[in-house]
């Protein structure tokens, strides 16, 4: 009897999964919050390195405390629905995963580079933030010839990490197609959080001093 019930449940849920279209929405608010924290920890140093997000009450609120980690008391069909349709699609507030080994490694490099070389260049007005989430040389004439290769190297390394950052966050959340949205959010927040006196590009590409 139990075996028959299992077969019937699997059959019904297979049909259900084939008929239901799950819309996955980009969690813009969560992305803006995560990007703001990431950028703040890079440009507003000294700051404590970002750590893995701790568990919150919301992470364990879906079940009573007496049944946490125990699914034996749940109906078989209910357990299979939970497996096939993740809780993130069942009405919970969407979140964005940002702490992975790859992202944390990029974060560490960006903090170190910013402190050692990028911030002095921003303070001097030599480089600035672009409207597409990168950095670029703002005033090449202010760079001594002997230093131009070094500055270009810093800018290139910074942009490699930025491109990798947006891609890695999208991949960490299982949506490589989100990379452009994540990049746009970071681009706006780099400029928003820029310090007074730093340069940035507006939407038309013109340099503006904050």
N, C-alpha and C. Protein backbone atom coordinates (compact mmCIF):
# COMPACT_ATOMS: atom_id res chain seq x y z
N UNK A 1 0.84 -1.20 0.00
CA UNK A 1 0.00 0.00 0.00
C UNK A 1 0.88 1.26 0.00
N UNK A 2 1.90 1.24 0.87
CA UNK A 2 2.80 2.40 0.95
C UNK A 2 3.53 2.61 -0.36
N UNK A 3 3.94 1.49 -1.00
CA UNK A 3 4.64 1.60 -2.27
C UNK A 3 3.73 2.18 -3.34
N UNK A 4 2.47 1.77 -3.32
CA UNK A 4 1.51 2.30 -4.30
C UNK A 4 1.29 3.79 -4.09
N UNK A 5 1.22 4.21 -2.81
CA UNK A 5 1.03 5.61 -2.49
C UNK A 5 2.22 6.43 -2.96
N UNK A 6 3.42 5.89 -2.77
CA UNK A 6 4.63 6.58 -3.21
C UNK A 6 4.62 6.78 -4.72
N UNK A 7 4.29 5.73 -5.46
CA UNK A 7 4.25 5.81 -6.92
C UNK A 7 3.22 6.83 -7.39
N UNK A 8 2.04 6.81 -6.74
CA UNK A 8 0.99 7.74 -7.11
C UNK A 8 1.40 9.17 -6.83
N UNK A 9 2.06 9.40 -5.68
CA UNK A 9 2.49 10.75 -5.32
C UNK A 9 3.51 11.27 -6.30
N UNK A 10 4.48 10.42 -6.67
CA UNK A 10 5.51 10.82 -7.62
C UNK A 10 4.89 11.15 -8.96
N UNK A 11 3.93 10.33 -9.41
CA UNK A 11 3.27 10.57 -10.69
C UNK A 11 2.53 11.89 -10.69
N UNK A 12 1.77 12.16 -9.61
CA UNK A 12 0.99 13.39 -9.54
C UNK A 12 1.89 14.61 -9.50
N UNK A 13 2.99 14.51 -8.74
CA UNK A 13 3.88 15.66 -8.63
C UNK A 13 4.67 15.89 -9.90
N UNK A 14 4.95 14.83 -10.64
CA UNK A 14 5.62 14.99 -11.93
C UNK A 14 4.73 15.75 -12.90
N UNK A 15 3.44 15.40 -12.90
CA UNK A 15 2.48 16.10 -13.75
C UNK A 15 2.37 17.55 -13.31
N UNK A 16 2.32 17.78 -11.98
CA UNK A 16 2.21 19.14 -11.45
C UNK A 16 3.42 19.98 -11.85
N UNK A 17 4.59 19.40 -11.71
CA UNK A 17 5.82 20.14 -12.05
C UNK A 17 5.86 20.50 -13.53
N UNK A 18 5.29 19.63 -14.36
CA UNK A 18 5.29 19.89 -15.79
C UNK A 18 4.28 20.94 -16.20
N UNK A 19 3.27 21.15 -15.36
CA UNK A 19 2.21 22.09 -15.71
C UNK A 19 2.40 23.47 -15.11
N UNK A 20 3.21 23.55 -14.04
CA UNK A 20 3.36 24.82 -13.34
C UNK A 20 4.62 25.53 -13.82
N UNK A 21 4.50 26.78 -14.19
CA UNK A 21 5.64 27.61 -14.58
C UNK A 21 6.02 28.49 -13.40
N UNK A 22 7.26 28.38 -12.95
CA UNK A 22 7.72 29.16 -11.80
C UNK A 22 8.48 30.37 -12.32
N UNK A 23 8.00 31.55 -11.97
CA UNK A 23 8.68 32.77 -12.37
C UNK A 23 9.72 33.15 -11.32
N UNK A 24 10.96 33.28 -11.74
CA UNK A 24 12.03 33.65 -10.84
C UNK A 24 12.33 35.13 -11.05
N UNK A 25 12.05 35.93 -10.05
CA UNK A 25 12.24 37.36 -10.16
C UNK A 25 13.60 37.77 -9.60
N UNK A 26 14.23 38.72 -10.26
CA UNK A 26 15.51 39.22 -9.79
C UNK A 26 15.30 39.98 -8.48
N UNK A 27 16.01 39.60 -7.41
CA UNK A 27 15.81 40.24 -6.10
C UNK A 27 16.55 41.57 -6.01
N UNK A 28 15.97 42.59 -6.60
CA UNK A 28 16.65 43.88 -6.73
C UNK A 28 16.98 44.50 -5.38
N UNK A 29 16.02 44.47 -4.45
CA UNK A 29 16.26 45.08 -3.14
C UNK A 29 17.40 44.38 -2.41
N UNK A 30 17.42 43.05 -2.48
CA UNK A 30 18.49 42.29 -1.83
C UNK A 30 19.82 42.57 -2.50
N UNK A 31 19.82 42.71 -3.82
CA UNK A 31 21.05 43.00 -4.55
C UNK A 31 21.59 44.38 -4.19
N UNK A 32 20.71 45.36 -4.06
CA UNK A 32 21.14 46.71 -3.69
C UNK A 32 21.73 46.73 -2.28
N UNK A 33 21.12 46.00 -1.37
CA UNK A 33 21.63 45.95 -0.01
C UNK A 33 23.00 45.28 0.04
N UNK A 34 23.12 44.14 -0.66
CA UNK A 34 24.39 43.41 -0.68
C UNK A 34 25.49 44.23 -1.34
N UNK A 35 25.16 44.88 -2.46
CA UNK A 35 26.14 45.70 -3.17
C UNK A 35 26.59 46.88 -2.32
N UNK A 36 25.66 47.50 -1.62
CA UNK A 36 26.01 48.63 -0.76
C UNK A 36 26.96 48.23 0.35
N UNK A 37 26.72 47.07 0.95
CA UNK A 37 27.60 46.60 2.02
C UNK A 37 28.97 46.24 1.46
N UNK A 38 28.99 45.59 0.31
CA UNK A 38 30.26 45.20 -0.31
C UNK A 38 31.09 46.44 -0.64
N UNK A 39 30.48 47.41 -1.31
CA UNK A 39 31.20 48.62 -1.72
C UNK A 39 31.67 49.41 -0.50
N UNK A 40 30.79 49.52 0.50
CA UNK A 40 31.17 50.25 1.70
C UNK A 40 32.39 49.66 2.38
N UNK A 41 32.48 48.33 2.40
CA UNK A 41 33.61 47.68 3.05
C UNK A 41 34.89 47.82 2.25
N UNK A 42 34.77 48.17 0.97
CA UNK A 42 35.95 48.37 0.14
C UNK A 42 36.45 49.82 0.23
N UNK A 43 35.55 50.77 0.07
CA UNK A 43 36.01 52.16 -0.03
C UNK A 43 36.04 52.89 1.30
N UNK A 44 35.32 52.40 2.30
CA UNK A 44 35.29 53.08 3.59
C UNK A 44 36.18 52.36 4.60
N UNK A 45 37.39 52.11 4.22
CA UNK A 45 38.33 51.43 5.12
C UNK A 45 38.87 52.44 6.14
N UNK A 46 39.32 51.98 7.32
CA UNK A 46 39.40 50.59 7.73
C UNK A 46 38.02 50.03 8.10
N UNK A 47 37.81 48.77 7.73
CA UNK A 47 36.57 48.08 8.05
C UNK A 47 36.86 46.61 8.19
N UNK A 48 36.01 45.92 8.92
CA UNK A 48 36.17 44.48 9.11
C UNK A 48 35.79 43.78 7.83
N UNK A 49 36.56 42.77 7.44
CA UNK A 49 36.24 42.00 6.23
C UNK A 49 34.85 41.42 6.33
N UNK A 50 34.13 41.44 5.18
CA UNK A 50 32.80 40.84 5.16
C UNK A 50 32.90 39.37 5.47
N UNK A 51 32.00 38.89 6.30
CA UNK A 51 31.98 37.47 6.67
C UNK A 51 30.71 36.84 6.14
N UNK A 52 30.67 35.53 6.23
CA UNK A 52 29.50 34.81 5.74
C UNK A 52 28.27 35.25 6.51
N UNK A 53 27.17 35.37 5.84
CA UNK A 53 25.92 35.81 6.44
C UNK A 53 25.48 34.81 7.48
N UNK A 54 25.25 35.26 8.75
CA UNK A 54 24.81 34.33 9.78
C UNK A 54 23.38 33.90 9.55
N UNK A 55 23.03 32.77 10.14
CA UNK A 55 21.67 32.28 10.01
C UNK A 55 20.74 33.24 10.74
N UNK A 56 19.57 33.47 10.19
CA UNK A 56 18.58 34.34 10.81
C UNK A 56 17.37 33.54 11.20
N UNK A 57 16.49 34.18 11.94
CA UNK A 57 15.27 33.50 12.35
C UNK A 57 14.46 33.06 11.15
N UNK A 58 14.52 33.86 10.09
CA UNK A 58 13.74 33.53 8.89
C UNK A 58 14.21 32.22 8.27
N UNK A 59 15.51 31.88 8.48
CA UNK A 59 16.04 30.66 7.90
C UNK A 59 15.45 29.40 8.53
N UNK A 60 14.95 29.55 9.78
CA UNK A 60 14.46 28.37 10.49
C UNK A 60 13.00 28.50 10.87
N UNK A 61 12.32 29.54 10.33
CA UNK A 61 10.95 29.80 10.74
C UNK A 61 9.93 28.99 9.98
N UNK A 62 10.33 28.25 8.99
CA UNK A 62 9.36 27.53 8.17
C UNK A 62 8.77 26.32 8.86
N UNK A 63 9.46 25.84 9.95
CA UNK A 63 8.97 24.69 10.68
C UNK A 63 9.00 24.97 12.16
N UNK A 64 8.14 24.35 12.94
CA UNK A 64 8.20 24.51 14.39
C UNK A 64 9.52 23.99 14.91
N UNK A 65 9.96 24.53 16.06
CA UNK A 65 11.25 24.14 16.62
C UNK A 65 11.32 22.66 16.90
N UNK A 66 10.23 22.04 17.28
CA UNK A 66 10.25 20.63 17.64
C UNK A 66 10.46 19.72 16.44
N UNK A 67 10.31 20.26 15.21
CA UNK A 67 10.46 19.40 14.03
C UNK A 67 11.59 19.85 13.15
N UNK A 68 12.44 20.80 13.60
CA UNK A 68 13.56 21.23 12.79
C UNK A 68 14.46 20.05 12.46
N UNK A 69 14.74 19.86 11.16
CA UNK A 69 15.62 18.78 10.74
C UNK A 69 14.97 17.43 10.73
N UNK A 70 13.67 17.33 11.06
CA UNK A 70 12.99 16.04 11.10
C UNK A 70 11.81 16.09 10.16
N UNK A 71 11.88 15.33 9.07
CA UNK A 71 10.81 15.35 8.08
C UNK A 71 9.95 14.10 8.14
N UNK A 72 10.23 13.22 9.12
CA UNK A 72 9.51 11.95 9.14
C UNK A 72 8.04 12.14 9.47
N UNK A 73 7.70 13.23 10.17
CA UNK A 73 6.31 13.44 10.53
C UNK A 73 5.50 14.10 9.44
N UNK A 74 6.13 14.51 8.35
CA UNK A 74 5.42 15.19 7.27
C UNK A 74 4.86 14.18 6.29
N UNK A 75 3.73 14.50 5.68
CA UNK A 75 3.20 13.62 4.63
C UNK A 75 4.18 13.50 3.48
N UNK A 76 4.18 12.35 2.85
CA UNK A 76 5.10 12.10 1.75
C UNK A 76 4.93 13.13 0.64
N UNK A 77 3.71 13.42 0.26
CA UNK A 77 3.46 14.37 -0.82
C UNK A 77 4.01 15.74 -0.49
N UNK A 78 3.88 16.15 0.79
CA UNK A 78 4.38 17.46 1.20
C UNK A 78 5.89 17.53 1.09
N UNK A 79 6.57 16.44 1.47
CA UNK A 79 8.02 16.43 1.39
C UNK A 79 8.48 16.50 -0.06
N UNK A 80 7.77 15.85 -0.96
CA UNK A 80 8.15 15.87 -2.36
C UNK A 80 7.90 17.24 -2.99
N UNK A 81 6.83 17.91 -2.57
CA UNK A 81 6.57 19.27 -3.07
C UNK A 81 7.70 20.19 -2.64
N UNK A 82 8.14 20.06 -1.37
CA UNK A 82 9.24 20.89 -0.89
C UNK A 82 10.50 20.65 -1.70
N UNK A 83 10.69 19.43 -2.16
CA UNK A 83 11.88 19.10 -2.93
C UNK A 83 11.81 19.68 -4.34
N UNK A 84 10.63 19.56 -4.95
CA UNK A 84 10.48 19.98 -6.34
C UNK A 84 10.31 21.49 -6.48
N UNK A 85 9.68 22.13 -5.50
CA UNK A 85 9.42 23.56 -5.57
C UNK A 85 10.07 24.21 -4.35
N UNK A 86 11.28 24.72 -4.48
CA UNK A 86 12.00 25.31 -3.36
C UNK A 86 11.21 26.41 -2.68
N UNK A 87 11.51 26.62 -1.39
CA UNK A 87 10.78 27.62 -0.60
C UNK A 87 10.92 29.02 -1.17
N UNK A 88 12.04 29.28 -1.86
CA UNK A 88 12.26 30.62 -2.42
C UNK A 88 11.18 30.99 -3.43
N UNK A 89 10.53 29.96 -4.03
CA UNK A 89 9.48 30.21 -5.02
C UNK A 89 8.09 30.11 -4.40
N UNK A 90 8.05 29.92 -3.10
CA UNK A 90 6.76 29.71 -2.45
C UNK A 90 6.29 30.94 -1.70
N UNK A 91 6.85 32.10 -2.00
CA UNK A 91 6.36 33.33 -1.41
C UNK A 91 7.30 33.95 -0.39
N UNK A 92 8.43 33.32 -0.08
CA UNK A 92 9.36 33.92 0.86
C UNK A 92 10.07 35.10 0.22
N UNK A 93 10.57 36.01 1.06
CA UNK A 93 11.30 37.16 0.56
C UNK A 93 12.56 36.69 -0.16
N UNK A 94 12.79 37.11 -1.41
CA UNK A 94 13.97 36.66 -2.15
C UNK A 94 15.24 37.20 -1.53
N UNK A 95 16.31 36.44 -1.63
CA UNK A 95 17.60 36.83 -1.10
C UNK A 95 18.63 36.70 -2.20
N UNK A 96 19.84 37.17 -1.94
CA UNK A 96 20.90 37.09 -2.92
C UNK A 96 22.14 36.55 -2.24
N UNK A 97 22.67 35.46 -2.78
CA UNK A 97 23.88 34.87 -2.22
C UNK A 97 25.09 35.65 -2.73
N UNK A 98 25.90 36.15 -1.81
CA UNK A 98 27.04 36.95 -2.23
C UNK A 98 28.34 36.45 -1.63
N UNK A 99 28.28 35.59 -0.62
CA UNK A 99 29.50 35.10 0.02
C UNK A 99 29.83 33.70 -0.48
N UNK A 100 30.79 33.63 -1.39
CA UNK A 100 31.34 32.36 -1.88
C UNK A 100 32.86 32.51 -1.84
N UNK A 101 33.60 31.42 -1.91
CA UNK A 101 35.07 31.54 -1.92
C UNK A 101 35.57 32.45 -3.03
N UNK A 102 34.97 32.35 -4.22
CA UNK A 102 35.41 33.18 -5.35
C UNK A 102 35.13 34.66 -5.09
N UNK A 103 33.92 34.97 -4.62
CA UNK A 103 33.56 36.37 -4.36
C UNK A 103 34.40 36.94 -3.22
N UNK A 104 34.60 36.14 -2.17
CA UNK A 104 35.39 36.62 -1.04
C UNK A 104 36.84 36.87 -1.43
N UNK A 105 37.38 36.06 -2.35
CA UNK A 105 38.75 36.28 -2.82
C UNK A 105 38.85 37.59 -3.60
N UNK A 106 37.84 37.85 -4.43
CA UNK A 106 37.80 39.11 -5.18
C UNK A 106 37.70 40.29 -4.21
N UNK A 107 36.84 40.14 -3.22
CA UNK A 107 36.65 41.19 -2.22
C UNK A 107 37.98 41.52 -1.52
N UNK A 108 38.72 40.50 -1.16
CA UNK A 108 40.00 40.70 -0.47
C UNK A 108 40.99 41.46 -1.37
N UNK A 109 41.05 41.06 -2.64
CA UNK A 109 41.97 41.74 -3.57
C UNK A 109 41.56 43.19 -3.78
N UNK A 110 40.27 43.42 -3.89
CA UNK A 110 39.79 44.78 -4.14
C UNK A 110 40.08 45.69 -2.96
N UNK A 111 39.89 45.18 -1.75
CA UNK A 111 40.19 45.98 -0.56
C UNK A 111 41.67 46.34 -0.50
N UNK A 112 42.51 45.34 -0.74
CA UNK A 112 43.95 45.58 -0.66
C UNK A 112 44.40 46.56 -1.74
N UNK A 113 43.93 46.35 -2.97
CA UNK A 113 44.31 47.24 -4.07
C UNK A 113 43.81 48.66 -3.82
N UNK A 114 42.59 48.77 -3.32
CA UNK A 114 42.02 50.08 -3.07
C UNK A 114 42.86 50.86 -2.07
N UNK A 115 43.25 50.18 -1.00
CA UNK A 115 44.02 50.85 0.04
C UNK A 115 45.42 51.23 -0.44
N UNK A 116 46.03 50.34 -1.21
CA UNK A 116 47.42 50.54 -1.61
C UNK A 116 47.60 51.47 -2.80
N UNK A 117 46.69 51.41 -3.76
CA UNK A 117 46.94 52.16 -4.99
C UNK A 117 45.74 52.88 -5.59
N UNK A 118 44.55 52.29 -5.51
CA UNK A 118 43.42 52.89 -6.22
C UNK A 118 42.91 54.15 -5.52
N UNK A 119 42.84 54.13 -4.22
CA UNK A 119 42.34 55.32 -3.52
C UNK A 119 43.22 56.55 -3.74
N UNK A 120 44.55 56.42 -3.66
CA UNK A 120 45.37 57.60 -3.96
C UNK A 120 45.11 58.16 -5.35
N UNK A 121 44.85 57.29 -6.31
CA UNK A 121 44.58 57.74 -7.67
C UNK A 121 43.22 58.44 -7.76
N UNK A 122 42.24 57.94 -7.01
CA UNK A 122 40.93 58.59 -6.96
C UNK A 122 41.03 59.94 -6.26
N UNK A 123 41.76 59.98 -5.16
CA UNK A 123 41.92 61.24 -4.42
C UNK A 123 42.60 62.31 -5.26
N UNK A 124 43.53 61.87 -6.12
CA UNK A 124 44.27 62.82 -6.97
C UNK A 124 43.52 63.18 -8.23
N UNK A 125 42.38 62.52 -8.48
CA UNK A 125 41.61 62.81 -9.68
C UNK A 125 42.16 62.18 -10.94
N UNK A 126 43.08 61.25 -10.76
CA UNK A 126 43.71 60.60 -11.92
C UNK A 126 42.75 59.60 -12.56
N UNK A 127 42.02 58.86 -11.73
CA UNK A 127 41.06 57.88 -12.23
C UNK A 127 39.70 58.19 -11.62
N UNK A 128 38.67 57.55 -12.16
CA UNK A 128 37.33 57.73 -11.64
C UNK A 128 36.47 56.52 -11.94
N UNK A 129 35.26 56.53 -11.40
CA UNK A 129 34.31 55.44 -11.62
C UNK A 129 33.55 55.69 -12.93
N UNK A 130 33.39 54.67 -13.73
CA UNK A 130 32.62 54.80 -14.96
C UNK A 130 31.15 54.50 -14.70
N UNK A 131 30.32 54.84 -15.66
CA UNK A 131 28.88 54.63 -15.49
C UNK A 131 28.48 53.17 -15.66
N UNK A 132 29.43 52.31 -16.06
CA UNK A 132 29.10 50.90 -16.25
C UNK A 132 29.79 49.99 -15.24
N UNK A 133 30.15 50.55 -14.08
CA UNK A 133 30.67 49.72 -13.00
C UNK A 133 32.14 49.43 -13.06
N UNK A 134 32.90 50.19 -13.84
CA UNK A 134 34.33 49.98 -13.94
C UNK A 134 35.07 51.23 -13.45
N UNK A 135 36.40 51.23 -13.62
CA UNK A 135 37.19 52.43 -13.36
C UNK A 135 37.95 52.76 -14.63
N UNK A 136 38.32 54.02 -14.79
CA UNK A 136 39.05 54.45 -15.99
C UNK A 136 39.91 55.65 -15.64
N UNK A 137 40.92 55.85 -16.45
CA UNK A 137 41.78 57.02 -16.28
C UNK A 137 40.99 58.27 -16.66
N UNK A 138 40.97 59.22 -15.76
CA UNK A 138 40.24 60.47 -16.01
C UNK A 138 41.15 61.53 -16.61
N UNK A 139 42.37 61.62 -16.08
CA UNK A 139 43.28 62.68 -16.53
C UNK A 139 44.67 62.09 -16.77
N UNK A 140 44.87 61.58 -17.97
CA UNK A 140 46.16 60.95 -18.30
C UNK A 140 47.30 61.95 -18.28
N UNK A 141 47.00 63.22 -18.56
CA UNK A 141 48.07 64.22 -18.61
C UNK A 141 48.69 64.48 -17.24
N UNK A 142 47.96 64.12 -16.18
CA UNK A 142 48.48 64.36 -14.84
C UNK A 142 49.40 63.23 -14.37
N UNK A 143 49.53 62.18 -15.18
CA UNK A 143 50.36 61.05 -14.81
C UNK A 143 51.75 61.20 -15.41
N UNK A 144 52.80 61.21 -14.60
CA UNK A 144 54.16 61.26 -15.16
C UNK A 144 54.38 60.08 -16.10
N UNK A 145 55.10 60.28 -17.14
CA UNK A 145 55.31 59.24 -18.14
C UNK A 145 55.83 57.94 -17.53
N UNK A 146 56.71 58.07 -16.54
CA UNK A 146 57.28 56.87 -15.91
C UNK A 146 56.26 56.09 -15.10
N UNK A 147 55.13 56.72 -14.77
CA UNK A 147 54.12 56.08 -13.93
C UNK A 147 52.91 55.58 -14.72
N UNK A 148 52.85 55.89 -15.99
CA UNK A 148 51.64 55.56 -16.75
C UNK A 148 51.39 54.06 -16.87
N UNK A 149 52.45 53.30 -17.06
CA UNK A 149 52.28 51.85 -17.17
C UNK A 149 51.76 51.28 -15.85
N UNK A 150 52.26 51.81 -14.74
CA UNK A 150 51.81 51.34 -13.43
C UNK A 150 50.34 51.67 -13.20
N UNK A 151 49.93 52.89 -13.55
CA UNK A 151 48.54 53.28 -13.38
C UNK A 151 47.63 52.43 -14.27
N UNK A 152 48.04 52.23 -15.51
CA UNK A 152 47.23 51.41 -16.42
C UNK A 152 47.11 49.98 -15.91
N UNK A 153 48.16 49.48 -15.26
CA UNK A 153 48.12 48.13 -14.70
C UNK A 153 47.13 48.04 -13.54
N UNK A 154 47.12 49.06 -12.70
CA UNK A 154 46.17 49.10 -11.58
C UNK A 154 44.74 49.13 -12.09
N UNK A 155 44.48 49.97 -13.08
CA UNK A 155 43.13 50.09 -13.66
C UNK A 155 42.71 48.77 -14.29
N UNK A 156 43.60 48.13 -15.03
CA UNK A 156 43.27 46.87 -15.69
C UNK A 156 42.95 45.79 -14.66
N UNK A 157 43.75 45.71 -13.60
CA UNK A 157 43.51 44.70 -12.56
C UNK A 157 42.20 44.96 -11.84
N UNK A 158 41.92 46.24 -11.56
CA UNK A 158 40.66 46.59 -10.90
C UNK A 158 39.47 46.19 -11.75
N UNK A 159 39.56 46.41 -13.04
CA UNK A 159 38.44 46.09 -13.93
C UNK A 159 38.27 44.59 -14.13
N UNK A 160 39.36 43.85 -14.11
CA UNK A 160 39.24 42.39 -14.18
C UNK A 160 38.47 41.86 -12.99
N UNK A 161 38.80 42.38 -11.81
CA UNK A 161 38.11 41.93 -10.61
C UNK A 161 36.65 42.36 -10.60
N UNK A 162 36.38 43.55 -11.09
CA UNK A 162 34.99 44.02 -11.13
C UNK A 162 34.14 43.16 -12.08
N UNK A 163 34.66 42.89 -13.25
CA UNK A 163 33.92 42.04 -14.20
C UNK A 163 33.70 40.65 -13.62
N UNK A 164 34.73 40.11 -12.96
CA UNK A 164 34.62 38.79 -12.35
C UNK A 164 33.62 38.81 -11.20
N UNK A 165 33.60 39.90 -10.44
CA UNK A 165 32.68 40.02 -9.31
C UNK A 165 31.23 39.91 -9.75
N UNK A 166 30.85 40.69 -10.75
CA UNK A 166 29.46 40.68 -11.20
C UNK A 166 29.08 39.31 -11.75
N UNK A 167 30.01 38.69 -12.46
CA UNK A 167 29.76 37.37 -13.02
C UNK A 167 29.64 36.30 -11.93
N UNK A 168 30.52 36.37 -10.95
CA UNK A 168 30.53 35.35 -9.90
C UNK A 168 29.29 35.44 -9.01
N UNK A 169 28.83 36.65 -8.73
CA UNK A 169 27.61 36.79 -7.92
C UNK A 169 26.42 36.20 -8.67
N UNK A 170 26.33 36.48 -9.95
CA UNK A 170 25.24 35.92 -10.75
C UNK A 170 25.31 34.39 -10.77
N UNK A 171 26.50 33.85 -10.98
CA UNK A 171 26.66 32.40 -11.02
C UNK A 171 26.36 31.76 -9.67
N UNK A 172 26.74 32.44 -8.58
CA UNK A 172 26.51 31.90 -7.24
C UNK A 172 25.02 31.76 -6.95
N UNK A 173 24.21 32.56 -7.63
CA UNK A 173 22.77 32.50 -7.44
C UNK A 173 22.06 31.68 -8.52
N UNK A 174 22.87 31.01 -9.34
CA UNK A 174 22.29 30.13 -10.35
C UNK A 174 21.67 30.83 -11.53
N UNK A 175 22.01 32.11 -11.75
CA UNK A 175 21.43 32.87 -12.85
C UNK A 175 22.52 33.71 -13.52
N UNK A 176 23.21 33.13 -14.44
CA UNK A 176 24.26 33.87 -15.15
C UNK A 176 23.68 35.07 -15.89
N UNK A 177 22.39 35.01 -16.23
CA UNK A 177 21.74 36.11 -16.94
C UNK A 177 21.51 37.32 -16.05
N UNK A 178 21.74 37.20 -14.75
CA UNK A 178 21.59 38.34 -13.85
C UNK A 178 22.83 39.24 -13.83
N UNK A 179 23.91 38.82 -14.47
CA UNK A 179 25.18 39.56 -14.37
C UNK A 179 25.01 41.03 -14.77
N UNK A 180 24.28 41.30 -15.83
CA UNK A 180 24.13 42.69 -16.28
C UNK A 180 23.33 43.51 -15.27
N UNK A 181 22.33 42.89 -14.63
CA UNK A 181 21.54 43.61 -13.62
C UNK A 181 22.39 43.89 -12.39
N UNK A 182 23.17 42.91 -11.98
CA UNK A 182 24.04 43.09 -10.82
C UNK A 182 25.08 44.17 -11.12
N UNK A 183 25.61 44.14 -12.31
CA UNK A 183 26.60 45.16 -12.71
C UNK A 183 26.00 46.55 -12.67
N UNK A 184 24.78 46.71 -13.16
CA UNK A 184 24.12 48.02 -13.17
C UNK A 184 23.90 48.54 -11.76
N UNK A 185 23.53 47.65 -10.85
CA UNK A 185 23.31 48.06 -9.46
C UNK A 185 24.63 48.49 -8.82
N UNK A 186 25.68 47.70 -9.03
CA UNK A 186 26.99 48.07 -8.49
C UNK A 186 27.47 49.39 -9.09
N UNK A 187 27.25 49.56 -10.39
CA UNK A 187 27.70 50.79 -11.06
C UNK A 187 27.10 52.02 -10.40
N UNK A 188 25.80 51.97 -10.14
CA UNK A 188 25.13 53.11 -9.53
C UNK A 188 25.63 53.36 -8.11
N UNK A 189 25.90 52.27 -7.38
CA UNK A 189 26.29 52.43 -5.98
C UNK A 189 27.76 52.82 -5.82
N UNK A 190 28.63 52.39 -6.75
CA UNK A 190 30.01 52.89 -6.70
C UNK A 190 29.99 54.42 -6.75
N UNK A 191 29.18 54.95 -7.65
CA UNK A 191 29.09 56.41 -7.82
C UNK A 191 28.41 57.05 -6.62
N UNK A 192 27.34 56.45 -6.16
CA UNK A 192 26.60 57.00 -5.03
C UNK A 192 27.48 57.10 -3.78
N UNK A 193 28.33 56.08 -3.57
CA UNK A 193 29.16 56.04 -2.38
C UNK A 193 30.54 56.68 -2.58
N UNK A 194 30.79 57.21 -3.76
CA UNK A 194 32.07 57.87 -4.01
C UNK A 194 32.25 59.05 -3.06
N UNK A 195 33.47 59.28 -2.65
CA UNK A 195 33.77 60.38 -1.73
C UNK A 195 33.81 61.72 -2.48
N UNK A 196 33.61 62.77 -1.74
CA UNK A 196 33.66 64.12 -2.32
C UNK A 196 35.03 64.34 -2.95
N UNK A 197 35.03 64.90 -4.15
CA UNK A 197 36.27 65.16 -4.87
C UNK A 197 36.65 64.10 -5.88
N UNK A 198 36.04 62.92 -5.77
CA UNK A 198 36.32 61.87 -6.75
C UNK A 198 35.54 62.14 -8.04
N UNK A 199 36.08 61.61 -9.13
CA UNK A 199 35.43 61.77 -10.43
C UNK A 199 34.62 60.52 -10.79
N UNK A 200 33.56 60.74 -11.53
CA UNK A 200 32.75 59.64 -12.06
C UNK A 200 32.16 60.07 -13.39
N UNK A 201 31.77 59.08 -14.17
CA UNK A 201 31.12 59.35 -15.45
C UNK A 201 29.61 59.34 -15.29
N UNK A 202 28.94 60.32 -15.88
CA UNK A 202 27.48 60.28 -15.88
C UNK A 202 26.99 59.38 -17.01
N UNK A 203 25.69 59.30 -17.18
CA UNK A 203 25.11 58.37 -18.16
C UNK A 203 25.57 58.65 -19.58
N UNK A 204 25.91 59.90 -19.87
CA UNK A 204 26.35 60.24 -21.23
C UNK A 204 27.85 60.06 -21.42
N UNK A 205 28.55 59.66 -20.34
CA UNK A 205 29.97 59.42 -20.45
C UNK A 205 30.85 60.61 -20.08
N UNK A 206 30.22 61.74 -19.71
CA UNK A 206 30.99 62.92 -19.33
C UNK A 206 31.50 62.79 -17.90
N UNK A 207 32.71 63.25 -17.65
CA UNK A 207 33.29 63.19 -16.31
C UNK A 207 32.71 64.29 -15.43
N UNK A 208 32.38 63.92 -14.20
CA UNK A 208 31.81 64.86 -13.23
C UNK A 208 32.57 64.67 -11.92
N UNK A 209 32.84 65.77 -11.24
CA UNK A 209 33.51 65.70 -9.95
C UNK A 209 32.44 65.76 -8.85
N UNK A 210 32.52 64.81 -7.94
CA UNK A 210 31.50 64.74 -6.89
C UNK A 210 31.80 65.77 -5.79
